Amino acid sequence: MNATITAHMNVFAHMNSGVCALARAYVCVCSILGNPEDPKYRSLKKSNKAVQTKLGKPEYVKLLKLAGFVEDRAADAYTCPPKQDLNKLRHARELLFGLLQSMPPKEGEQKAE
C-alpha cells in the first residue's frame, strides 16, 4: 500500500467499525488508481474472507459496480476491467472520501481534522 493510501486510512482509523466497508472500497479504488496497469488490484475474489465480511453486502457491491467493477461469475470475483475509465474511479474515490469524512467517530473519540 502506498504512503498516500496509508495516510488516508490513518484518517479513518478512528471511525466507527460500521464504515469499514466504505474504507475498504476506498482502498480498492485508490489501489487501482495508484497502480492502473497492475491486474492484482483489479480483482476481488468473492471467496476471500475480507471481501465477504467487508464488502459482501449488497449495498457495497452496488458501490463497487458504480465505481466500475463488474461481477465475473466465471472467476467468482468482482473485477475492474483494464479498459475501465479512470475518471469514473476518480469520481468514486472522491465520493467515498467525502462519505468517510462525514461519518461520526467511535463513541468517546474525537473526529480527526
Protein backbone atom coordinates (compact mmCIF):
# COMPACT_ATOMS: atom_id res chain seq x y z
CA MET A 1 0.00 0.00 0.00
CA ASN A 2 1.49 3.36 -0.93
CA ALA A 3 2.05 6.19 1.56
CA THR A 4 -0.90 8.26 0.36
CA ILE A 5 -3.37 5.40 0.84
CA THR A 6 -1.84 4.61 4.25
CA ALA A 7 -2.22 8.25 5.27
CA HIS A 8 -5.88 8.23 4.21
CA MET A 9 -6.50 5.01 6.13
CA ASN A 10 -4.97 6.57 9.25
CA VAL A 11 -7.54 9.37 8.98
CA PHE A 12 -10.31 6.76 9.03
CA ALA A 13 -8.81 4.56 11.76
CA HIS A 14 -10.74 6.38 14.50
CA MET A 15 -14.10 5.85 12.87
CA ASN A 16 -16.94 3.56 13.79
CA SER A 17 -16.48 -0.01 12.61
CA GLY A 18 -19.65 0.37 10.53
CA VAL A 19 -17.67 2.36 7.95
CA CYS A 20 -15.14 -0.42 7.42
CA ALA A 21 -16.67 -1.44 4.08
CA LEU A 22 -16.59 2.14 2.80
CA ALA A 23 -12.94 2.39 3.82
CA ARG A 24 -12.16 -0.93 2.12
CA ALA A 25 -13.90 0.20 -1.09
CA TYR A 26 -11.90 3.43 -0.90
CA VAL A 27 -8.64 1.48 -0.58
CA CYS A 28 -9.59 -0.73 -3.54
CA VAL A 29 -10.28 2.27 -5.75
CA CYS A 30 -7.11 4.07 -4.61
CA SER A 31 -5.03 0.95 -5.23
CA ILE A 32 -6.26 0.71 -8.82
CA LEU A 33 -5.65 4.42 -9.42
CA GLY A 34 -2.16 4.12 -7.93
CA ASN A 35 -1.35 1.02 -9.99
CA PRO A 36 -3.63 1.16 -13.05
CA GLU A 37 -1.64 -1.41 -15.04
CA ASP A 38 -1.36 -4.00 -12.23
CA PRO A 39 -4.11 -6.66 -12.56
CA LYS A 40 -3.77 -7.84 -8.94
CA TYR A 41 -5.55 -4.69 -7.74
CA ARG A 42 -8.43 -5.12 -10.19
CA SER A 43 -9.96 -8.32 -8.82
CA LEU A 44 -11.71 -9.08 -5.53
CA LYS A 45 -12.35 -12.79 -5.04
CA LYS A 46 -15.75 -13.45 -3.52
CA SER A 47 -14.28 -16.38 -1.59
CA ASN A 48 -11.81 -14.07 0.19
CA LYS A 49 -12.85 -13.74 3.83
CA ALA A 50 -12.13 -9.98 3.92
CA VAL A 51 -14.23 -9.43 0.80
CA GLN A 52 -17.07 -11.45 2.30
CA THR A 53 -17.07 -9.63 5.64
CA LYS A 54 -16.21 -6.11 4.48
CA LEU A 55 -17.72 -5.86 1.00
CA GLY A 56 -20.14 -8.75 0.74
CA LYS A 57 -23.33 -6.83 1.49
CA PRO A 58 -25.50 -5.82 -1.48
CA GLU A 59 -25.16 -2.09 -0.82
CA TYR A 60 -21.35 -2.30 -1.00
CA VAL A 61 -21.46 -4.46 -4.12
CA LYS A 62 -23.55 -1.67 -5.69
CA LEU A 63 -20.87 0.83 -4.68
CA LEU A 64 -18.20 -1.27 -6.36
CA LYS A 65 -20.31 -1.53 -9.51
CA LEU A 66 -20.82 2.24 -9.57
CA ALA A 67 -17.02 2.59 -9.40
CA GLY A 68 -16.71 0.37 -12.49
CA PHE A 69 -16.40 -3.14 -11.08
CA VAL A 70 -18.32 -5.95 -12.75
CA GLU A 71 -19.29 -9.34 -11.43
CA ASP A 72 -17.20 -12.05 -13.08
CA ARG A 73 -19.14 -15.23 -12.37
CA ALA A 74 -16.56 -17.47 -14.05
CA ALA A 75 -13.79 -16.19 -11.76
CA ASP A 76 -16.18 -15.83 -8.80
CA ALA A 77 -14.92 -12.29 -8.32
CA TYR A 78 -15.68 -8.63 -8.71
CA THR A 79 -13.29 -7.19 -11.28
CA CYS A 80 -12.47 -3.77 -12.62
CA PRO A 81 -11.82 -4.21 -16.35
CA PRO A 82 -8.45 -2.97 -17.66
CA LYS A 83 -10.21 -0.60 -20.06
CA GLN A 84 -12.25 0.98 -17.24
CA ASP A 85 -12.37 4.77 -17.43
CA LEU A 86 -10.07 6.06 -14.69
CA ASN A 87 -12.20 9.20 -14.35
CA LYS A 88 -15.06 7.03 -13.11
CA LEU A 89 -12.72 5.61 -10.46
CA ARG A 90 -11.50 9.11 -9.54
CA HIS A 91 -15.10 10.24 -9.02
CA ALA A 92 -15.77 7.16 -6.89
CA ARG A 93 -12.64 7.92 -4.81
CA GLU A 94 -13.84 11.48 -4.17
CA LEU A 95 -17.32 10.29 -3.24
CA LEU A 96 -16.02 7.61 -0.88
CA PHE A 97 -13.59 10.03 0.73
CA GLY A 98 -16.39 12.52 1.32
CA LEU A 99 -18.63 9.84 2.79
CA LEU A 100 -15.89 8.66 5.11
CA GLN A 101 -15.10 12.19 6.24
CA SER A 102 -18.76 12.76 7.11
CA MET A 103 -19.08 9.64 9.26
CA PRO A 104 -19.17 10.07 13.05
CA PRO A 105 -16.21 8.84 15.13
CA LYS A 106 -16.42 5.94 17.54
CA GLU A 107 -18.17 6.76 20.76
CA GLY A 108 -15.86 8.65 23.12
CA GLU A 109 -13.40 9.70 20.39
CA GLN A 110 -12.99 12.95 18.55
CA LYS A 111 -13.18 13.23 14.79
CA ALA A 112 -9.84 13.79 13.04
CA GLU A 113 -9.50 17.06 11.13
